[in-house]
Amino acid sequence: QYYYKVPSELADRLVIALDPMLATGNSSVAAVDLLKKSGANNIRFMCLLAAPEGIARMKEAHPDVPIVTAAVDERLNEHGYIVPGLGDAGDRMFGTK
């Protein structure tokens, strides 16, 4: 993990985990795992765009965490990118490509 800092007493707080896209679900599952290990028990996951595979992975790993998304796209391609998707959200946000 690169950087992780959360307030104390997460059990008393609503925690909203944000990610621009929910593709495979691996990153979101890992993030929610960390939040739960830190004591969070009232978690919501929010994203702009999701793939059915990522939603299924999150529901399998964390059925107690509601997922809020603006849109659900068709599927993942062979590289794990959302199709039709919007490209790499990180590249778009930070202008790296």
PDB file of N, CA and C in Angstrom:
ATOM      1  N   GLN A   1       0.851  -1.176   0.000  1.00  0.00           N
ATOM      2  CA  GLN A   1       0.000   0.000   0.000  1.00  0.00           C
ATOM      3  C   GLN A   1       0.886   1.225   0.000  1.00  0.00           C
ATOM      4  N   TYR A   2       0.457   2.219  -0.736  1.00  0.00           N
ATOM      5  CA  TYR A   2       1.257   3.425  -0.924  1.00  0.00           C
ATOM      6  C   TYR A   2       1.072   4.394   0.241  1.00  0.00           C
ATOM      7  N   TYR A   3      -0.146   4.740   0.549  1.00  0.00           N
ATOM      8  CA  TYR A   3      -0.435   5.689   1.622  1.00  0.00           C
ATOM      9  C   TYR A   3      -1.808   5.370   2.182  1.00  0.00           C
ATOM     10  N   TYR A   4      -1.894   5.297   3.495  1.00  0.00           N
ATOM     11  CA  TYR A   4      -3.181   4.997   4.123  1.00  0.00           C
ATOM     12  C   TYR A   4      -3.243   5.698   5.462  1.00  0.00           C
ATOM     13  N   LYS A   5      -4.142   6.656   5.587  1.00  0.00           N
ATOM     14  CA  LYS A   5      -4.321   7.378   6.840  1.00  0.00           C
ATOM     15  C   LYS A   5      -5.806   7.639   7.008  1.00  0.00           C
ATOM     16  N   VAL A   6      -6.353   7.171   8.103  1.00  0.00           N
ATOM     17  CA  VAL A   6      -7.776   7.359   8.376  1.00  0.00           C
ATOM     18  C   VAL A   6      -7.947   7.897   9.792  1.00  0.00           C
ATOM     19  N   PRO A   7      -9.064   8.546  10.058  1.00  0.00           N
ATOM     20  CA  PRO A   7      -9.329   9.031  11.414  1.00  0.00           C
ATOM     21  C   PRO A   7      -9.501   7.865  12.391  1.00  0.00           C
ATOM     22  N   SER A   8      -9.341   8.156  13.646  1.00  0.00           N
ATOM     23  CA  SER A   8      -9.587   7.129  14.661  1.00  0.00           C
ATOM     24  C   SER A   8     -11.090   6.933  14.828  1.00  0.00           C
ATOM     25  N   GLU A   9     -11.453   5.850  15.463  1.00  0.00           N
ATOM     26  CA  GLU A   9     -12.853   5.543  15.769  1.00  0.00           C
ATOM     27  C   GLU A   9     -13.734   5.530  14.519  1.00  0.00           C
ATOM     28  N   LEU A  10     -13.339   4.754  13.529  1.00  0.00           N
ATOM     29  CA  LEU A  10     -14.131   4.643  12.301  1.00  0.00           C
ATOM     30  C   LEU A  10     -15.479   3.975  12.533  1.00  0.00           C
ATOM     31  N   ALA A  11     -15.603   3.219  13.600  1.00  0.00           N
ATOM     32  CA  ALA A  11     -16.864   2.528  13.872  1.00  0.00           C
ATOM     33  C   ALA A  11     -18.016   3.507  14.071  1.00  0.00           C
ATOM     34  N   ASP A  12     -17.710   4.719  14.472  1.00  0.00           N
ATOM     35  CA  ASP A  12     -18.739   5.725  14.728  1.00  0.00           C
ATOM     36  C   ASP A  12     -19.020   6.624  13.527  1.00  0.00           C
ATOM     37  N   ARG A  13     -18.425   6.316  12.380  1.00  0.00           N
ATOM     38  CA  ARG A  13     -18.530   7.205  11.224  1.00  0.00           C
ATOM     39  C   ARG A  13     -19.100   6.497  10.002  1.00  0.00           C
ATOM     40  N   LEU A  14     -19.738   7.278   9.141  1.00  0.00           N
ATOM     41  CA  LEU A  14     -20.090   6.807   7.809  1.00  0.00           C
ATOM     42  C   LEU A  14     -18.851   7.005   6.945  1.00  0.00           C
ATOM     43  N   VAL A  15     -18.385   5.943   6.315  1.00  0.00           N
ATOM     44  CA  VAL A  15     -17.194   6.004   5.473  1.00  0.00           C
ATOM     45  C   VAL A  15     -17.620   5.804   4.020  1.00  0.00           C
ATOM     46  N   ILE A  16     -17.236   6.744   3.171  1.00  0.00           N
ATOM     47  CA  ILE A  16     -17.546   6.643   1.746  1.00  0.00           C
ATOM     48  C   ILE A  16     -16.239   6.435   0.994  1.00  0.00           C
ATOM     49  N   ALA A  17     -16.110   5.269   0.367  1.00  0.00           N
ATOM     50  CA  ALA A  17     -14.937   4.959  -0.452  1.00  0.00           C
ATOM     51  C   ALA A  17     -15.249   5.385  -1.882  1.00  0.00           C
ATOM     52  N   LEU A  18     -14.392   6.215  -2.455  1.00  0.00           N
ATOM     53  CA  LEU A  18     -14.617   6.760  -3.796  1.00  0.00           C
ATOM     54  C   LEU A  18     -13.570   6.239  -4.769  1.00  0.00           C
ATOM     55  N   ASP A  19     -14.011   5.879  -5.961  1.00  0.00           N
ATOM     56  CA  ASP A  19     -13.114   5.482  -7.044  1.00  0.00           C
ATOM     57  C   ASP A  19     -13.821   5.860  -8.340  1.00  0.00           C
ATOM     58  N   PRO A  20     -13.127   6.445  -9.303  1.00  0.00           N
ATOM     59  CA  PRO A  20     -13.822   6.838 -10.526  1.00  0.00           C
ATOM     60  C   PRO A  20     -14.488   5.666 -11.242  1.00  0.00           C
ATOM     61  N   MET A  21     -13.798   4.514 -11.252  1.00  0.00           N
ATOM     62  CA  MET A  21     -14.341   3.363 -11.977  1.00  0.00           C
ATOM     63  C   MET A  21     -14.211   2.087 -11.148  1.00  0.00           C
ATOM     64  N   LEU A  22     -15.212   1.238 -11.262  1.00  0.00           N
ATOM     65  CA  LEU A  22     -15.201  -0.088 -10.646  1.00  0.00           C
ATOM     66  C   LEU A  22     -15.124  -1.086 -11.796  1.00  0.00           C
ATOM     67  N   ALA A  23     -13.914  -1.566 -12.091  1.00  0.00           N
ATOM     68  CA  ALA A  23     -13.713  -2.475 -13.230  1.00  0.00           C
ATOM     69  C   ALA A  23     -13.701  -3.920 -12.744  1.00  0.00           C
ATOM     70  N   THR A  24     -12.531  -4.435 -12.356  1.00  0.00           N
ATOM     71  CA  THR A  24     -12.444  -5.821 -11.880  1.00  0.00           C
ATOM     72  C   THR A  24     -12.951  -5.965 -10.453  1.00  0.00           C
ATOM     73  N   GLY A  25     -12.884  -4.889  -9.692  1.00  0.00           N
ATOM     74  CA  GLY A  25     -13.286  -4.930  -8.289  1.00  0.00           C
ATOM     75  C   GLY A  25     -12.141  -5.211  -7.337  1.00  0.00           C
ATOM     76  N   ASN A  26     -10.969  -5.555  -7.851  1.00  0.00           N
ATOM     77  CA  ASN A  26      -9.857  -5.920  -6.975  1.00  0.00           C
ATOM     78  C   ASN A  26      -9.405  -4.770  -6.081  1.00  0.00           C
ATOM     79  N   SER A  27      -9.256  -3.578  -6.633  1.00  0.00           N
ATOM     80  CA  SER A  27      -8.820  -2.427  -5.828  1.00  0.00           C
ATOM     81  C   SER A  27      -9.872  -2.031  -4.805  1.00  0.00           C
ATOM     82  N   SER A  28     -11.122  -2.055  -5.207  1.00  0.00           N
ATOM     83  CA  SER A  28     -12.186  -1.668  -4.280  1.00  0.00           C
ATOM     84  C   SER A  28     -12.319  -2.669  -3.142  1.00  0.00           C
ATOM     85  N   VAL A  29     -12.191  -3.951  -3.444  1.00  0.00           N
ATOM     86  CA  VAL A  29     -12.239  -4.975  -2.395  1.00  0.00           C
ATOM     87  C   VAL A  29     -11.085  -4.768  -1.421  1.00  0.00           C
ATOM     88  N   ALA A  30      -9.882  -4.509  -1.932  1.00  0.00           N
ATOM     89  CA  ALA A  30      -8.720  -4.284  -1.065  1.00  0.00           C
ATOM     90  C   ALA A  30      -8.913  -3.040  -0.200  1.00  0.00           C
ATOM     91  N   ALA A  31      -9.469  -1.980  -0.774  1.00  0.00           N
ATOM     92  CA  ALA A  31      -9.701  -0.750  -0.010  1.00  0.00           C
ATOM     93  C   ALA A  31     -10.708  -0.980   1.109  1.00  0.00           C
ATOM     94  N   VAL A  32     -11.788  -1.669   0.806  1.00  0.00           N
ATOM     95  CA  VAL A  32     -12.802  -1.944   1.832  1.00  0.00           C
ATOM     96  C   VAL A  32     -12.245  -2.900   2.883  1.00  0.00           C
ATOM     97  N   ASP A  33     -11.419  -3.858   2.478  1.00  0.00           N
ATOM     98  CA  ASP A  33     -10.741  -4.732   3.450  1.00  0.00           C
ATOM     99  C   ASP A  33      -9.967  -3.895   4.468  1.00  0.00           C
ATOM    100  N   LEU A  34      -9.185  -2.926   3.979  1.00  0.00           N
ATOM    101  CA  LEU A  34      -8.402  -2.062   4.871  1.00  0.00           C
ATOM    102  C   LEU A  34      -9.295  -1.239   5.788  1.00  0.00           C
ATOM    103  N   LEU A  35     -10.361  -0.688   5.232  1.00  0.00           N
ATOM    104  CA  LEU A  35     -11.277   0.106   6.051  1.00  0.00           C
ATOM    105  C   LEU A  35     -11.891  -0.733   7.166  1.00  0.00           C
ATOM    106  N   LYS A  36     -12.295  -1.947   6.843  1.00  0.00           N
ATOM    107  CA  LYS A  36     -12.879  -2.822   7.869  1.00  0.00           C
ATOM    108  C   LYS A  36     -11.845  -3.211   8.916  1.00  0.00           C
ATOM    109  N   LYS A  37     -10.606  -3.469   8.496  1.00  0.00           N
ATOM    110  CA  LYS A  37      -9.545  -3.791   9.461  1.00  0.00           C
ATOM    111  C   LYS A  37      -9.272  -2.616  10.390  1.00  0.00           C
ATOM    112  N   SER A  38      -9.567  -1.405   9.915  1.00  0.00           N
ATOM    113  CA  SER A  38      -9.381  -0.200  10.728  1.00  0.00           C
ATOM    114  C   SER A  38     -10.594   0.115  11.592  1.00  0.00           C
ATOM    115  N   GLY A  39     -11.622  -0.731  11.526  1.00  0.00           N
ATOM    116  CA  GLY A  39     -12.776  -0.569  12.400  1.00  0.00           C
ATOM    117  C   GLY A  39     -14.036  -0.029  11.750  1.00  0.00           C
ATOM    118  N   ALA A  40     -13.984   0.301  10.475  1.00  0.00           N
ATOM    119  CA  ALA A  40     -15.176   0.837   9.800  1.00  0.00           C
ATOM    120  C   ALA A  40     -16.228  -0.255   9.649  1.00  0.00           C
ATOM    121  N   ASN A  41     -17.466   0.086   9.936  1.00  0.00           N
ATOM    122  CA  ASN A  41     -18.549  -0.888   9.757  1.00  0.00           C
ATOM    123  C   ASN A  41     -19.769  -0.286   9.056  1.00  0.00           C
ATOM    124  N   ASN A  42     -19.676   0.984   8.681  1.00  0.00           N
ATOM    125  CA  ASN A  42     -20.750   1.663   7.954  1.00  0.00           C
ATOM    126  C   ASN A  42     -20.128   2.279   6.698  1.00  0.00           C
ATOM    127  N   ILE A  43     -19.954   1.457   5.668  1.00  0.00           N
ATOM    128  CA  ILE A  43     -19.202   1.838   4.473  1.00  0.00           C
ATOM    129  C   ILE A  43     -20.129   1.883   3.266  1.00  0.00           C
ATOM    130  N   ARG A  44     -19.906   2.877   2.401  1.00  0.00           N
ATOM    131  CA  ARG A  44     -20.557   2.958   1.093  1.00  0.00           C
ATOM    132  C   ARG A  44     -19.445   3.039   0.052  1.00  0.00           C
ATOM    133  N   PHE A  45     -19.654   2.423  -1.101  1.00  0.00           N
ATOM    134  CA  PHE A  45     -18.695   2.530  -2.195  1.00  0.00           C
ATOM    135  C   PHE A  45     -19.349   3.310  -3.325  1.00  0.00           C
ATOM    136  N   MET A  46     -18.680   4.368  -3.798  1.00  0.00           N
ATOM    137  CA  MET A  46     -19.245   5.211  -4.852  1.00  0.00           C
ATOM    138  C   MET A  46     -18.275   5.323  -6.019  1.00  0.00           C
ATOM    139  N   CYS A  47     -18.833   5.230  -7.238  1.00  0.00           N
ATOM    140  CA  CYS A  47     -18.027   5.374  -8.446  1.00  0.00           C
ATOM    141  C   CYS A  47     -18.868   6.010  -9.543  1.00  0.00           C
ATOM    142  N   LEU A  48     -18.205   6.479 -10.575  1.00  0.00           N
ATOM    143  CA  LEU A  48     -18.915   7.057 -11.716  1.00  0.00           C
ATOM    144  C   LEU A  48     -19.389   5.984 -12.679  1.00  0.00           C
ATOM    145  N   LEU A  49     -18.549   4.972 -12.884  1.00  0.00           N
ATOM    146  CA  LEU A  49     -18.813   3.961 -13.890  1.00  0.00           C
ATOM    147  C   LEU A  49     -18.408   2.599 -13.349  1.00  0.00           C
ATOM    148  N   ALA A  50     -19.224   1.584 -13.621  1.00  0.00           N
ATOM    149  CA  ALA A  50     -18.931   0.239 -13.125  1.00  0.00           C
ATOM    150  C   ALA A  50     -19.147  -0.794 -14.222  1.00  0.00           C
ATOM    151  N   ALA A  51     -18.442  -1.902 -14.082  1.00  0.00           N
ATOM    152  CA  ALA A  51     -18.648  -3.069 -14.940  1.00  0.00           C
ATOM    153  C   ALA A  51     -19.372  -4.127 -14.114  1.00  0.00           C
ATOM    154  N   PRO A  52     -20.194  -4.943 -14.745  1.00  0.00           N
ATOM    155  CA  PRO A  52     -20.899  -5.998 -14.004  1.00  0.00           C
ATOM    156  C   PRO A  52     -19.952  -6.914 -13.225  1.00  0.00           C
ATOM    157  N   GLU A  53     -18.774  -7.184 -13.784  1.00  0.00           N
ATOM    158  CA  GLU A  53     -17.804  -8.058 -13.110  1.00  0.00           C
ATOM    159  C   GLU A  53     -17.310  -7.450 -11.801  1.00  0.00           C
ATOM    160  N   GLY A  54     -17.067  -6.147 -11.799  1.00  0.00           N
ATOM    161  CA  GLY A  54     -16.614  -5.472 -10.586  1.00  0.00           C
ATOM    162  C   GLY A  54     -17.690  -5.423  -9.518  1.00  0.00           C
ATOM    163  N   ILE A  55     -18.920  -5.189  -9.946  1.00  0.00           N
ATOM    164  CA  ILE A  55     -20.041  -5.192  -9.003  1.00  0.00           C
ATOM    165  C   ILE A  55     -20.181  -6.572  -8.366  1.00  0.00           C
ATOM    166  N   ALA A  56     -20.090  -7.614  -9.181  1.00  0.00           N
ATOM    167  CA  ALA A  56     -20.206  -8.983  -8.661  1.00  0.00           C
ATOM    168  C   ALA A  56     -19.089  -9.297  -7.676  1.00  0.00           C
ATOM    169  N   ARG A  57     -17.859  -8.876  -7.984  1.00  0.00           N
ATOM    170  CA  ARG A  57     -16.714  -9.126  -7.088  1.00  0.00           C
ATOM    171  C   ARG A  57     -16.910  -8.418  -5.758  1.00  0.00           C
ATOM    172  N   MET A  58     -17.352  -7.154  -5.799  1.00  0.00           N
ATOM    173  CA  MET A  58     -17.590  -6.408  -4.562  1.00  0.00           C
ATOM    174  C   MET A  58     -18.704  -7.042  -3.742  1.00  0.00           C
ATOM    175  N   LYS A  59     -19.792  -7.429  -4.393  1.00  0.00           N
ATOM    176  CA  LYS A  59     -20.911  -8.036  -3.666  1.00  0.00           C
ATOM    177  C   LYS A  59     -20.515  -9.371  -3.048  1.00  0.00           C
ATOM    178  N   GLU A  60     -19.646 -10.113  -3.734  1.00  0.00           N
ATOM    179  CA  GLU A  60     -19.169 -11.393  -3.197  1.00  0.00           C
ATOM    180  C   GLU A  60     -18.294 -11.178  -1.968  1.00  0.00           C
ATOM    181  N   ALA A  61     -17.379 -10.220  -2.045  1.00  0.00           N
ATOM    182  CA  ALA A  61     -16.435  -9.976  -0.951  1.00  0.00           C
ATOM    183  C   ALA A  61     -17.048  -9.168   0.187  1.00  0.00           C
ATOM    184  N   HIS A  62     -17.916  -8.220  -0.148  1.00  0.00           N
ATOM    185  CA  HIS A  62     -18.481  -7.303   0.858  1.00  0.00           C
ATOM    186  C   HIS A  62     -19.970  -7.083   0.593  1.00  0.00           C
ATOM    187  N   PRO A  63     -20.788  -8.082   0.849  1.00  0.00           N
ATOM    188  CA  PRO A  63     -22.223  -7.947   0.571  1.00  0.00           C
ATOM    189  C   PRO A  63     -22.910  -6.867   1.409  1.00  0.00           C
ATOM    190  N   ASP A  64     -22.269  -6.439   2.481  1.00  0.00           N
ATOM    191  CA  ASP A  64     -22.832  -5.426   3.367  1.00  0.00           C
ATOM    192  C   ASP A  64     -22.540  -3.996   2.917  1.00  0.00           C
ATOM    193  N   VAL A  65     -21.756  -3.821   1.858  1.00  0.00           N
ATOM    194  CA  VAL A  65     -21.367  -2.487   1.397  1.00  0.00           C
ATOM    195  C   VAL A  65     -22.180  -2.109   0.163  1.00  0.00           C
ATOM    196  N   PRO A  66     -23.069  -1.121   0.291  1.00  0.00           N
ATOM    197  CA  PRO A  66     -23.835  -0.670  -0.876  1.00  0.00           C
ATOM    198  C   PRO A  66     -22.920  -0.019  -1.917  1.00  0.00           C
ATOM    199  N   ILE A  67     -23.245  -0.232  -3.179  1.00  0.00           N
ATOM    200  CA  ILE A  67     -22.498   0.368  -4.288  1.00  0.00           C
ATOM    201  C   ILE A  67     -23.400   1.405  -4.948  1.00  0.00           C
ATOM    202  N   VAL A  68     -22.880   2.620  -5.087  1.00  0.00           N
ATOM    203  CA  VAL A  68     -23.605   3.693  -5.756  1.00  0.00           C
ATOM    204  C   VAL A  68     -22.789   4.080  -6.988  1.00  0.00           C
ATOM    205  N   THR A  69     -23.408   4.012  -8.166  1.00  0.00           N
ATOM    206  CA  THR A  69     -22.713   4.356  -9.405  1.00  0.00           C
ATOM    207  C   THR A  69     -23.632   5.148 -10.321  1.00  0.00           C
ATOM    208  N   ALA A  70     -23.038   5.978 -11.163  1.00  0.00           N
ATOM    209  CA  ALA A  70     -23.823   6.750 -12.126  1.00  0.00           C
ATOM    210  C   ALA A  70     -24.246   5.892 -13.307  1.00  0.00           C
ATOM    211  N   ALA A  71     -23.423   4.897 -13.669  1.00  0.00           N
ATOM    212  CA  ALA A  71     -23.732   4.067 -14.835  1.00  0.00           C
ATOM    213  C   ALA A  71     -23.048   2.714 -14.728  1.00  0.00           C
ATOM    214  N   VAL A  72     -23.687   1.710 -15.319  1.00  0.00           N
ATOM    215  CA  VAL A  72     -23.096   0.374 -15.429  1.00  0.00           C
ATOM    216  C   VAL A  72     -22.910   0.099 -16.913  1.00  0.00           C
ATOM    217  N   ASP A  73     -21.656  -0.089 -17.313  1.00  0.00           N
ATOM    218  CA  ASP A  73     -21.367  -0.387 -18.712  1.00  0.00           C
ATOM    219  C   ASP A  73     -21.494  -1.881 -18.984  1.00  0.00           C
ATOM    220  N   GLU A  74     -21.219  -2.246 -20.213  1.00  0.00           N
ATOM    221  CA  GLU A  74     -21.486  -3.573 -20.750  1.00  0.00           C
ATOM    222  C   GLU A  74     -20.677  -4.703 -20.108  1.00  0.00           C
ATOM    223  N   ARG A  75     -19.336  -4.535 -20.059  1.00  0.00           N
ATOM    224  CA  ARG A  75     -18.468  -5.645 -19.641  1.00  0.00           C
ATOM    225  C   ARG A  75     -17.032  -5.152 -19.527  1.00  0.00           C
ATOM    226  N   LEU A  76     -16.131  -6.081 -19.174  1.00  0.00           N
ATOM    227  CA  LEU A  76     -14.690  -5.833 -19.233  1.00  0.00           C
ATOM    228  C   LEU A  76     -14.137  -6.473 -20.498  1.00  0.00           C
ATOM    229  N   ASN A  77     -13.090  -5.862 -21.073  1.00  0.00           N
ATOM    230  CA  ASN A  77     -12.433  -6.504 -22.207  1.00  0.00           C
ATOM    231  C   ASN A  77     -11.320  -7.424 -21.709  1.00  0.00           C
ATOM    232  N   GLU A  78     -10.541  -7.985 -22.628  1.00  0.00           N
ATOM    233  CA  GLU A  78      -9.495  -8.950 -22.256  1.00  0.00           C
ATOM    234  C   GLU A  78      -8.373  -8.330 -21.429  1.00  0.00           C
ATOM    235  N   HIS A  79      -8.294  -6.996 -21.374  1.00  0.00           N
ATOM    236  CA  HIS A  79      -7.279  -6.306 -20.572  1.00  0.00           C
ATOM    237  C   HIS A  79      -7.827  -5.817 -19.231  1.00  0.00           C
ATOM    238  N   GLY A  80      -9.096  -6.091 -18.965  1.00  0.00           N
ATOM    239  CA  GLY A  80      -9.708  -5.659 -17.713  1.00  0.00           C
ATOM    240  C   GLY A  80     -10.220  -4.233 -17.737  1.00  0.00           C
ATOM    241  N   TYR A  81     -10.363  -3.656 -18.925  1.00  0.00           N
ATOM    242  CA  TYR A  81     -10.905  -2.305 -19.053  1.00  0.00           C
ATOM    243  C   TYR A  81     -12.410  -2.364 -19.304  1.00  0.00           C
ATOM    244  N   ILE A  82     -13.106  -1.372 -18.773  1.00  0.00           N
ATOM    245  CA  ILE A  82     -14.554  -1.304 -18.950  1.00  0.00           C
ATOM    246  C   ILE A  82     -14.879  -0.946 -20.406  1.00  0.00           C
ATOM    247  N   VAL A  83     -15.829  -1.692 -20.978  1.00  0.00           N
ATOM    248  CA  VAL A  83     -16.262  -1.475 -22.362  1.00  0.00           C
ATOM    249  C   VAL A  83     -17.727  -1.067 -22.362  1.00  0.00           C
ATOM    250  N   PRO A  84     -18.136   0.009 -23.035  1.00  0.00           N
ATOM    251  CA  PRO A  84     -17.284   0.875 -23.829  1.00  0.00           C
ATOM    252  C   PRO A  84     -16.414   1.806 -22.988  1.00  0.00           C
ATOM    253  N   GLY A  85     -16.786   2.095 -21.759  1.00  0.00           N
ATOM    254  CA  GLY A  85     -15.925   2.835 -20.837  1.00  0.00           C
ATOM    255  C   GLY A  85     -15.657   4.266 -21.232  1.00  0.00           C
ATOM    256  N   LEU A  86     -14.672   4.855 -20.547  1.00  0.00           N
ATOM    257  CA  LEU A  86     -14.307   6.243 -20.814  1.00  0.00           C
ATOM    258  C   LEU A  86     -12.804   6.409 -20.918  1.00  0.00           C
ATOM    259  N   GLY A  87     -12.077   5.320 -21.099  1.00  0.00           N
ATOM    260  CA  GLY A  87     -10.621   5.391 -21.128  1.00  0.00           C
ATOM    261  C   GLY A  87     -10.070   5.266 -19.720  1.00  0.00           C
ATOM    262  N   ASP A  88      -8.822   5.592 -19.548  1.00  0.00           N
ATOM    263  CA  ASP A  88      -8.173   5.500 -18.243  1.00  0.00           C
ATOM    264  C   ASP A  88      -8.515   6.740 -17.421  1.00  0.00           C
ATOM    265  N   ALA A  89      -9.283   6.563 -16.365  1.00  0.00           N
ATOM    266  CA  ALA A  89      -9.727   7.700 -15.545  1.00  0.00           C
ATOM    267  C   ALA A  89      -8.544   8.429 -14.922  1.00  0.00           C
ATOM    268  N   GLY A  90      -7.527   7.694 -14.486  1.00  0.00           N
ATOM    269  CA  GLY A  90      -6.344   8.327 -13.902  1.00  0.00           C
ATOM    270  C   GLY A  90      -5.626   9.214 -14.900  1.00  0.00           C
ATOM    271  N   ASP A  91      -5.461   8.718 -16.119  1.00  0.00           N
ATOM    272  CA  ASP A  91      -4.836   9.531 -17.166  1.00  0.00           C
ATOM    273  C   ASP A  91      -5.651  10.783 -17.435  1.00  0.00           C
ATOM    274  N   ARG A  92      -6.964  10.640 -17.456  1.00  0.00           N
ATOM    275  CA  ARG A  92      -7.825  11.797 -17.720  1.00  0.00           C
ATOM    276  C   ARG A  92      -7.749  12.817 -16.577  1.00  0.00           C
ATOM    277  N   MET A  93      -7.735  12.330 -15.334  1.00  0.00           N
ATOM    278  CA  MET A  93      -7.721  13.245 -14.184  1.00  0.00           C
ATOM    279  C   MET A  93      -6.390  13.969 -14.049  1.00  0.00           C
ATOM    280  N   PHE A  94      -5.292  13.245 -14.297  1.00  0.00           N
ATOM    281  CA  PHE A  94      -3.975  13.803 -14.024  1.00  0.00           C
ATOM    282  C   PHE A  94      -3.205  14.190 -15.280  1.00  0.00           C
ATOM    283  N   GLY A  95      -3.812  14.027 -16.467  1.00  0.00           N
ATOM    284  CA  GLY A  95      -3.183  14.444 -17.714  1.00  0.00           C
ATOM    285  C   GLY A  95      -1.890  13.719 -18.022  1.00  0.00           C
ATOM    286  N   THR A  96      -1.807  12.437 -17.675  1.00  0.00           N
ATOM    287  CA  THR A  96      -0.557  11.697 -17.857  1.00  0.00           C
ATOM    288  C   THR A  96      -0.416  11.071 -19.235  1.00  0.00           C
ATOM    289  N   LYS A  97      -1.438  11.147 -20.072  1.00  0.00           N
ATOM    290  CA  LYS A  97      -1.324  10.633 -21.447  1.00  0.00           C
ATOM    291  C   LYS A  97      -1.803  11.663 -22.420  1.00  0.00           C
TER     292      LYS A  97
END
